[in-house]
PDB file of N, CA and C in Angstrom:
ATOM      1  N   MET A   1    -194.902  91.444  53.467  1.00  0.00           N
ATOM      2  CA  MET A   1    -194.622  91.389  54.882  1.00  0.00           C
ATOM      3  C   MET A   1    -193.269  92.041  55.134  1.00  0.00           C
ATOM      4  N   LYS A   2    -193.209  92.811  56.171  1.00  0.00           N
ATOM      5  CA  LYS A   2    -191.962  93.427  56.590  1.00  0.00           C
ATOM      6  C   LYS A   2    -191.454  92.687  57.825  1.00  0.00           C
ATOM      7  N   THR A   3    -190.151  92.726  58.015  1.00  0.00           N
ATOM      8  CA  THR A   3    -189.591  92.089  59.210  1.00  0.00           C
ATOM      9  C   THR A   3    -188.590  93.017  59.886  1.00  0.00           C
ATOM     10  N   ARG A   4    -188.350  92.716  61.139  1.00  0.00           N
ATOM     11  CA  ARG A   4    -187.339  93.431  61.920  1.00  0.00           C
ATOM     12  C   ARG A   4    -186.152  92.513  62.222  1.00  0.00           C
ATOM     13  N   ILE A   5    -186.007  91.452  61.434  1.00  0.00           N
ATOM     14  CA  ILE A   5    -184.950  90.477  61.696  1.00  0.00           C
ATOM     15  C   ILE A   5    -183.569  91.137  61.665  1.00  0.00           C
ATOM     16  N   LYS A   6    -183.294  91.914  60.627  1.00  0.00           N
ATOM     17  CA  LYS A   6    -181.981  92.538  60.490  1.00  0.00           C
ATOM     18  C   LYS A   6    -181.667  93.424  61.696  1.00  0.00           C
ATOM     19  N   GLU A   7    -182.637  94.221  62.084  1.00  0.00           N
ATOM     20  CA  GLU A   7    -182.473  95.110  63.237  1.00  0.00           C
ATOM     21  C   GLU A   7    -182.198  94.318  64.518  1.00  0.00           C
ATOM     22  N   LEU A   8    -182.958  93.259  64.731  1.00  0.00           N
ATOM     23  CA  LEU A   8    -182.796  92.467  65.949  1.00  0.00           C
ATOM     24  C   LEU A   8    -181.524  91.621  65.912  1.00  0.00           C
ATOM     25  N   ARG A   9    -181.130  91.164  64.736  1.00  0.00           N
ATOM     26  CA  ARG A   9    -179.853  90.442  64.607  1.00  0.00           C
ATOM     27  C   ARG A   9    -178.709  91.340  65.058  1.00  0.00           C
ATOM     28  N   ALA A  10    -178.753  92.615  64.633  1.00  0.00           N
ATOM     29  CA  ALA A  10    -177.700  93.568  64.992  1.00  0.00           C
ATOM     30  C   ALA A  10    -177.632  93.753  66.506  1.00  0.00           C
ATOM     31  N   LYS A  11    -178.787  93.770  67.137  1.00  0.00           N
ATOM     32  CA  LYS A  11    -178.847  93.928  68.598  1.00  0.00           C
ATOM     33  C   LYS A  11    -178.050  92.829  69.304  1.00  0.00           C
ATOM     34  N   TYR A  12    -178.112  91.612  68.743  1.00  0.00           N
ATOM     35  CA  TYR A  12    -177.410  90.467  69.340  1.00  0.00           C
ATOM     36  C   TYR A  12    -176.098  90.156  68.629  1.00  0.00           C
ATOM     37  N   ASP A  13    -175.686  91.055  67.703  1.00  0.00           N
ATOM     38  CA  ASP A  13    -174.440  90.890  66.961  1.00  0.00           C
ATOM     39  C   ASP A  13    -174.370  89.526  66.275  1.00  0.00           C
ATOM     40  N   LEU A  14    -175.474  89.156  65.624  1.00  0.00           N
ATOM     41  CA  LEU A  14    -175.552  87.888  64.893  1.00  0.00           C
ATOM     42  C   LEU A  14    -175.479  88.144  63.396  1.00  0.00           C
ATOM     43  N   THR A  15    -174.717  87.323  62.698  1.00  0.00           N
ATOM     44  CA  THR A  15    -174.720  87.392  61.241  1.00  0.00           C
ATOM     45  C   THR A  15    -175.920  86.595  60.726  1.00  0.00           C
ATOM     46  N   GLN A  16    -176.201  86.756  59.446  1.00  0.00           N
ATOM     47  CA  GLN A  16    -177.277  85.963  58.843  1.00  0.00           C
ATOM     48  C   GLN A  16    -176.956  84.476  58.982  1.00  0.00           C
ATOM     49  N   ALA A  17    -175.702  84.127  58.750  1.00  0.00           N
ATOM     50  CA  ALA A  17    -175.286  82.722  58.834  1.00  0.00           C
ATOM     51  C   ALA A  17    -175.452  82.171  60.249  1.00  0.00           C
ATOM     52  N   GLN A  18    -175.112  82.971  61.246  1.00  0.00           N
ATOM     53  CA  GLN A  18    -175.244  82.510  62.635  1.00  0.00           C
ATOM     54  C   GLN A  18    -176.702  82.290  63.004  1.00  0.00           C
ATOM     55  N   LEU A  19    -177.578  83.227  62.613  1.00  0.00           N
ATOM     56  CA  LEU A  19    -178.996  83.059  62.897  1.00  0.00           C
ATOM     57  C   LEU A  19    -179.531  81.837  62.166  1.00  0.00           C
ATOM     58  N   ALA A  20    -179.140  81.687  60.917  1.00  0.00           N
ATOM     59  CA  ALA A  20    -179.592  80.535  60.135  1.00  0.00           C
ATOM     60  C   ALA A  20    -179.196  79.222  60.813  1.00  0.00           C
ATOM     61  N   GLU A  21    -177.968  79.154  61.283  1.00  0.00           N
ATOM     62  CA  GLU A  21    -177.501  77.940  61.957  1.00  0.00           C
ATOM     63  C   GLU A  21    -178.311  77.659  63.222  1.00  0.00           C
ATOM     64  N   LYS A  22    -178.593  78.701  63.981  1.00  0.00           N
ATOM     65  CA  LYS A  22    -179.335  78.534  65.234  1.00  0.00           C
ATOM     66  C   LYS A  22    -180.764  78.024  65.004  1.00  0.00           C
ATOM     67  N   VAL A  23    -181.364  78.391  63.874  1.00  0.00           N
ATOM     68  CA  VAL A  23    -182.750  77.980  63.622  1.00  0.00           C
ATOM     69  C   VAL A  23    -182.855  76.857  62.599  1.00  0.00           C
ATOM     70  N   GLY A  24    -181.710  76.388  62.090  1.00  0.00           N
ATOM     71  CA  GLY A  24    -181.701  75.216  61.222  1.00  0.00           C
ATOM     72  C   GLY A  24    -182.131  75.456  59.783  1.00  0.00           C
ATOM     73  N   VAL A  25    -181.786  76.627  59.238  1.00  0.00           N
ATOM     74  CA  VAL A  25    -182.084  76.904  57.831  1.00  0.00           C
ATOM     75  C   VAL A  25    -180.816  77.406  57.148  1.00  0.00           C
ATOM     76  N   ARG A  26    -180.878  77.584  55.837  1.00  0.00           N
ATOM     77  CA  ARG A  26    -179.748  78.138  55.101  1.00  0.00           C
ATOM     78  C   ARG A  26    -179.729  79.654  55.246  1.00  0.00           C
ATOM     79  N   ARG A  27    -178.552  80.233  55.081  1.00  0.00           N
ATOM     80  CA  ARG A  27    -178.410  81.689  55.178  1.00  0.00           C
ATOM     81  C   ARG A  27    -179.321  82.393  54.181  1.00  0.00           C
ATOM     82  N   GLU A  28    -179.489  81.807  53.014  1.00  0.00           N
ATOM     83  CA  GLU A  28    -180.341  82.400  51.983  1.00  0.00           C
ATOM     84  C   GLU A  28    -181.784  82.565  52.458  1.00  0.00           C
ATOM     85  N   THR A  29    -182.231  81.662  53.294  1.00  0.00           N
ATOM     86  CA  THR A  29    -183.584  81.774  53.848  1.00  0.00           C
ATOM     87  C   THR A  29    -183.700  83.038  54.695  1.00  0.00           C
ATOM     88  N   ILE A  30    -182.685  83.323  55.490  1.00  0.00           N
ATOM     89  CA  ILE A  30    -182.686  84.537  56.306  1.00  0.00           C
ATOM     90  C   ILE A  30    -182.656  85.765  55.403  1.00  0.00           C
ATOM     91  N   VAL A  31    -181.862  85.711  54.335  1.00  0.00           N
ATOM     92  CA  VAL A  31    -181.808  86.819  53.375  1.00  0.00           C
ATOM     93  C   VAL A  31    -183.205  87.093  52.819  1.00  0.00           C
ATOM     94  N   PHE A  32    -183.888  86.042  52.353  1.00  0.00           N
ATOM     95  CA  PHE A  32    -185.228  86.201  51.785  1.00  0.00           C
ATOM     96  C   PHE A  32    -186.230  86.705  52.822  1.00  0.00           C
ATOM     97  N   LEU A  33    -186.113  86.232  54.047  1.00  0.00           N
ATOM     98  CA  LEU A  33    -186.991  86.711  55.116  1.00  0.00           C
ATOM     99  C   LEU A  33    -186.778  88.201  55.356  1.00  0.00           C
ATOM    100  N   GLU A  34    -185.525  88.617  55.441  1.00  0.00           N
ATOM    101  CA  GLU A  34    -185.225  90.022  55.705  1.00  0.00           C
ATOM    102  C   GLU A  34    -185.727  90.931  54.579  1.00  0.00           C
ATOM    103  N   LYS A  35    -185.735  90.423  53.366  1.00  0.00           N
ATOM    104  CA  LYS A  35    -186.208  91.204  52.219  1.00  0.00           C
ATOM    105  C   LYS A  35    -187.720  91.131  52.041  1.00  0.00           C
ATOM    106  N   GLY A  36    -188.391  90.330  52.885  1.00  0.00           N
ATOM    107  CA  GLY A  36    -189.838  90.192  52.777  1.00  0.00           C
ATOM    108  C   GLY A  36    -190.270  89.359  51.589  1.00  0.00           C
ATOM    109  N   LYS A  37    -189.384  88.516  51.088  1.00  0.00           N
ATOM    110  CA  LYS A  37    -189.676  87.707  49.912  1.00  0.00           C
ATOM    111  C   LYS A  37    -190.055  86.270  50.266  1.00  0.00           C
ATOM    112  N   TYR A  38    -190.157  85.981  51.541  1.00  0.00           N
ATOM    113  CA  TYR A  38    -190.459  84.616  51.980  1.00  0.00           C
ATOM    114  C   TYR A  38    -191.274  84.702  53.257  1.00  0.00           C
ATOM    115  N   ASN A  39    -192.364  83.959  53.300  1.00  0.00           N
ATOM    116  CA  ASN A  39    -193.170  83.877  54.516  1.00  0.00           C
ATOM    117  C   ASN A  39    -192.769  82.614  55.271  1.00  0.00           C
ATOM    118  N   PRO A  40    -192.330  82.762  56.498  1.00  0.00           N
ATOM    119  CA  PRO A  40    -191.863  81.594  57.251  1.00  0.00           C
ATOM    120  C   PRO A  40    -193.021  80.727  57.728  1.00  0.00           C
ATOM    121  N   SER A  41    -192.699  79.480  57.968  1.00  0.00           N
ATOM    122  CA  SER A  41    -193.663  78.612  58.630  1.00  0.00           C
ATOM    123  C   SER A  41    -193.828  79.114  60.063  1.00  0.00           C
ATOM    124  N   LEU A  42    -194.879  78.688  60.710  1.00  0.00           N
ATOM    125  CA  LEU A  42    -195.091  79.087  62.099  1.00  0.00           C
ATOM    126  C   LEU A  42    -193.935  78.603  62.967  1.00  0.00           C
ATOM    127  N   LYS A  43    -193.461  77.393  62.708  1.00  0.00           N
ATOM    128  CA  LYS A  43    -192.348  76.841  63.489  1.00  0.00           C
ATOM    129  C   LYS A  43    -191.094  77.691  63.317  1.00  0.00           C
ATOM    130  N   LEU A  44    -190.764  78.074  62.082  1.00  0.00           N
ATOM    131  CA  LEU A  44    -189.575  78.892  61.843  1.00  0.00           C
ATOM    132  C   LEU A  44    -189.731  80.265  62.488  1.00  0.00           C
ATOM    133  N   ALA A  45    -190.896  80.865  62.356  1.00  0.00           N
ATOM    134  CA  ALA A  45    -191.140  82.169  62.979  1.00  0.00           C
ATOM    135  C   ALA A  45    -190.946  82.071  64.492  1.00  0.00           C
ATOM    136  N   TYR A  46    -191.448  81.000  65.087  1.00  0.00           N
ATOM    137  CA  TYR A  46    -191.316  80.787  66.531  1.00  0.00           C
ATOM    138  C   TYR A  46    -189.845  80.638  66.924  1.00  0.00           C
ATOM    139  N   MET A  47    -189.093  79.857  66.147  1.00  0.00           N
ATOM    140  CA  MET A  47    -187.680  79.642  66.472  1.00  0.00           C
ATOM    141  C   MET A  47    -186.887  80.947  66.353  1.00  0.00           C
ATOM    142  N   ILE A  48    -187.160  81.726  65.320  1.00  0.00           N
ATOM    143  CA  ILE A  48    -186.483  83.016  65.158  1.00  0.00           C
ATOM    144  C   ILE A  48    -186.818  83.936  66.329  1.00  0.00           C
ATOM    145  N   ALA A  49    -188.086  83.951  66.716  1.00  0.00           N
ATOM    146  CA  ALA A  49    -188.513  84.783  67.841  1.00  0.00           C
ATOM    147  C   ALA A  49    -187.790  84.380  69.128  1.00  0.00           C
ATOM    148  N   ARG A  50    -187.623  83.102  69.343  1.00  0.00           N
ATOM    149  CA  ARG A  50    -186.918  82.640  70.551  1.00  0.00           C
ATOM    150  C   ARG A  50    -185.464  83.083  70.546  1.00  0.00           C
ATOM    151  N   VAL A  51    -184.797  82.926  69.405  1.00  0.00           N
ATOM    152  CA  VAL A  51    -183.385  83.314  69.310  1.00  0.00           C
ATOM    153  C   VAL A  51    -183.227  84.824  69.501  1.00  0.00           C
ATOM    154  N   LEU A  52    -184.142  85.594  68.905  1.00  0.00           N
ATOM    155  CA  LEU A  52    -184.046  87.048  68.971  1.00  0.00           C
ATOM    156  C   LEU A  52    -184.749  87.637  70.194  1.00  0.00           C
ATOM    157  N   GLU A  53    -185.279  86.759  71.049  1.00  0.00           N
ATOM    158  CA  GLU A  53    -185.931  87.156  72.298  1.00  0.00           C
ATOM    159  C   GLU A  53    -186.986  88.234  72.071  1.00  0.00           C
ATOM    160  N   ALA A  54    -187.886  87.942  71.132  1.00  0.00           N
ATOM    161  CA  ALA A  54    -188.965  88.876  70.806  1.00  0.00           C
ATOM    162  C   ALA A  54    -190.221  88.081  70.476  1.00  0.00           C
ATOM    163  N   ASP A  55    -191.356  88.756  70.501  1.00  0.00           N
ATOM    164  CA  ASP A  55    -192.603  88.127  70.102  1.00  0.00           C
ATOM    165  C   ASP A  55    -192.669  88.061  68.577  1.00  0.00           C
ATOM    166  N   ILE A  56    -193.296  87.027  68.068  1.00  0.00           N
ATOM    167  CA  ILE A  56    -193.427  86.861  66.620  1.00  0.00           C
ATOM    168  C   ILE A  56    -194.006  88.115  65.976  1.00  0.00           C
ATOM    169  N   GLU A  57    -195.050  88.658  66.577  1.00  0.00           N
ATOM    170  CA  GLU A  57    -195.698  89.826  65.966  1.00  0.00           C
ATOM    171  C   GLU A  57    -194.846  91.090  66.045  1.00  0.00           C
ATOM    172  N   ASP A  58    -193.792  91.071  66.848  1.00  0.00           N
ATOM    173  CA  ASP A  58    -192.859  92.203  66.887  1.00  0.00           C
ATOM    174  C   ASP A  58    -191.755  92.058  65.837  1.00  0.00           C
ATOM    175  N   ILE A  59    -191.620  90.869  65.273  1.00  0.00           N
ATOM    176  CA  ILE A  59    -190.601  90.614  64.254  1.00  0.00           C
ATOM    177  C   ILE A  59    -191.191  90.672  62.852  1.00  0.00           C
ATOM    178  N   PHE A  60    -192.360  90.048  62.688  1.00  0.00           N
ATOM    179  CA  PHE A  60    -193.005  89.957  61.380  1.00  0.00           C
ATOM    180  C   PHE A  60    -194.212  90.883  61.354  1.00  0.00           C
ATOM    181  N   ILE A  61    -194.161  91.884  60.482  1.00  0.00           N
ATOM    182  CA  ILE A  61    -195.222  92.887  60.424  1.00  0.00           C
ATOM    183  C   ILE A  61    -195.975  92.749  59.104  1.00  0.00           C
ATOM    184  N   PHE A  62    -197.242  92.416  59.204  1.00  0.00           N
ATOM    185  CA  PHE A  62    -198.075  92.266  58.016  1.00  0.00           C
ATOM    186  C   PHE A  62    -198.751  93.582  57.690  1.00  0.00           C
ATOM    187  N   GLU A  63    -198.847  93.863  56.414  1.00  0.00           N
ATOM    188  CA  GLU A  63    -199.596  95.031  55.965  1.00  0.00           C
ATOM    189  C   GLU A  63    -201.073  94.721  56.116  1.00  0.00           C
ATOM    190  N   GLU A  64    -201.874  95.721  56.333  1.00  0.00           N
ATOM    191  CA  GLU A  64    -203.311  95.540  56.567  1.00  0.00           C
ATOM    192  C   GLU A  64    -203.966  94.766  55.427  1.00  0.00           C
ATOM    193  N   LYS A  65    -203.593  95.037  54.179  1.00  0.00           N
ATOM    194  CA  LYS A  65    -204.204  94.361  53.027  1.00  0.00           C
ATOM    195  C   LYS A  65    -203.883  92.869  53.023  1.00  0.00           C
ATOM    196  N   GLU A  66    -202.745  92.463  53.608  1.00  0.00           N
ATOM    197  CA  GLU A  66    -202.378  91.059  53.685  1.00  0.00           C
ATOM    198  C   GLU A  66    -203.252  90.305  54.678  1.00  0.00           C
ATOM    199  N   LEU A  67    -203.869  91.020  55.596  1.00  0.00           N
ATOM    200  CA  LEU A  67    -204.664  90.394  56.637  1.00  0.00           C
ATOM    201  C   LEU A  67    -206.162  90.385  56.339  1.00  0.00           C
ATOM    202  N   GLU A  68    -206.547  90.936  55.191  1.00  0.00           N
ATOM    203  CA  GLU A  68    -207.972  90.971  54.847  1.00  0.00           C
ATOM    204  C   GLU A  68    -208.464  89.564  54.521  1.00  0.00           C
ATOM    205  N   ILE A  69    -209.660  89.282  54.959  1.00  0.00           N
ATOM    206  CA  ILE A  69    -210.282  87.981  54.724  1.00  0.00           C
ATOM    207  C   ILE A  69    -211.378  88.164  53.689  1.00  0.00           C
ATOM    208  N   ASP A  70    -211.336  87.351  52.636  1.00  0.00           N
ATOM    209  CA  ASP A  70    -212.386  87.410  51.617  1.00  0.00           C
ATOM    210  C   ASP A  70    -213.606  86.638  52.116  1.00  0.00           C
ATOM    211  N   ASN A  71    -214.768  87.246  52.003  1.00  0.00           N
ATOM    212  CA  ASN A  71    -216.012  86.581  52.400  1.00  0.00           C
ATOM    213  C   ASN A  71    -216.768  86.107  51.202  1.00  0.00           C
TER     214      ASN A  71
END
């Protein structure tokens, strides 16, 4: 999964630590999210979207293969 968190944080001049504080997680969680190494819970994704004033799907971008459903 790719994210636009870093780009949107810059728009609001927020550090990783500031965003983490606003959404109630550790800075390391934001680091992992930005690197695509952590999938957020729906609640965390929603809170990040609210802080960054964007839609969840505009922040978190899934690759097509990640969205395939096995039948």
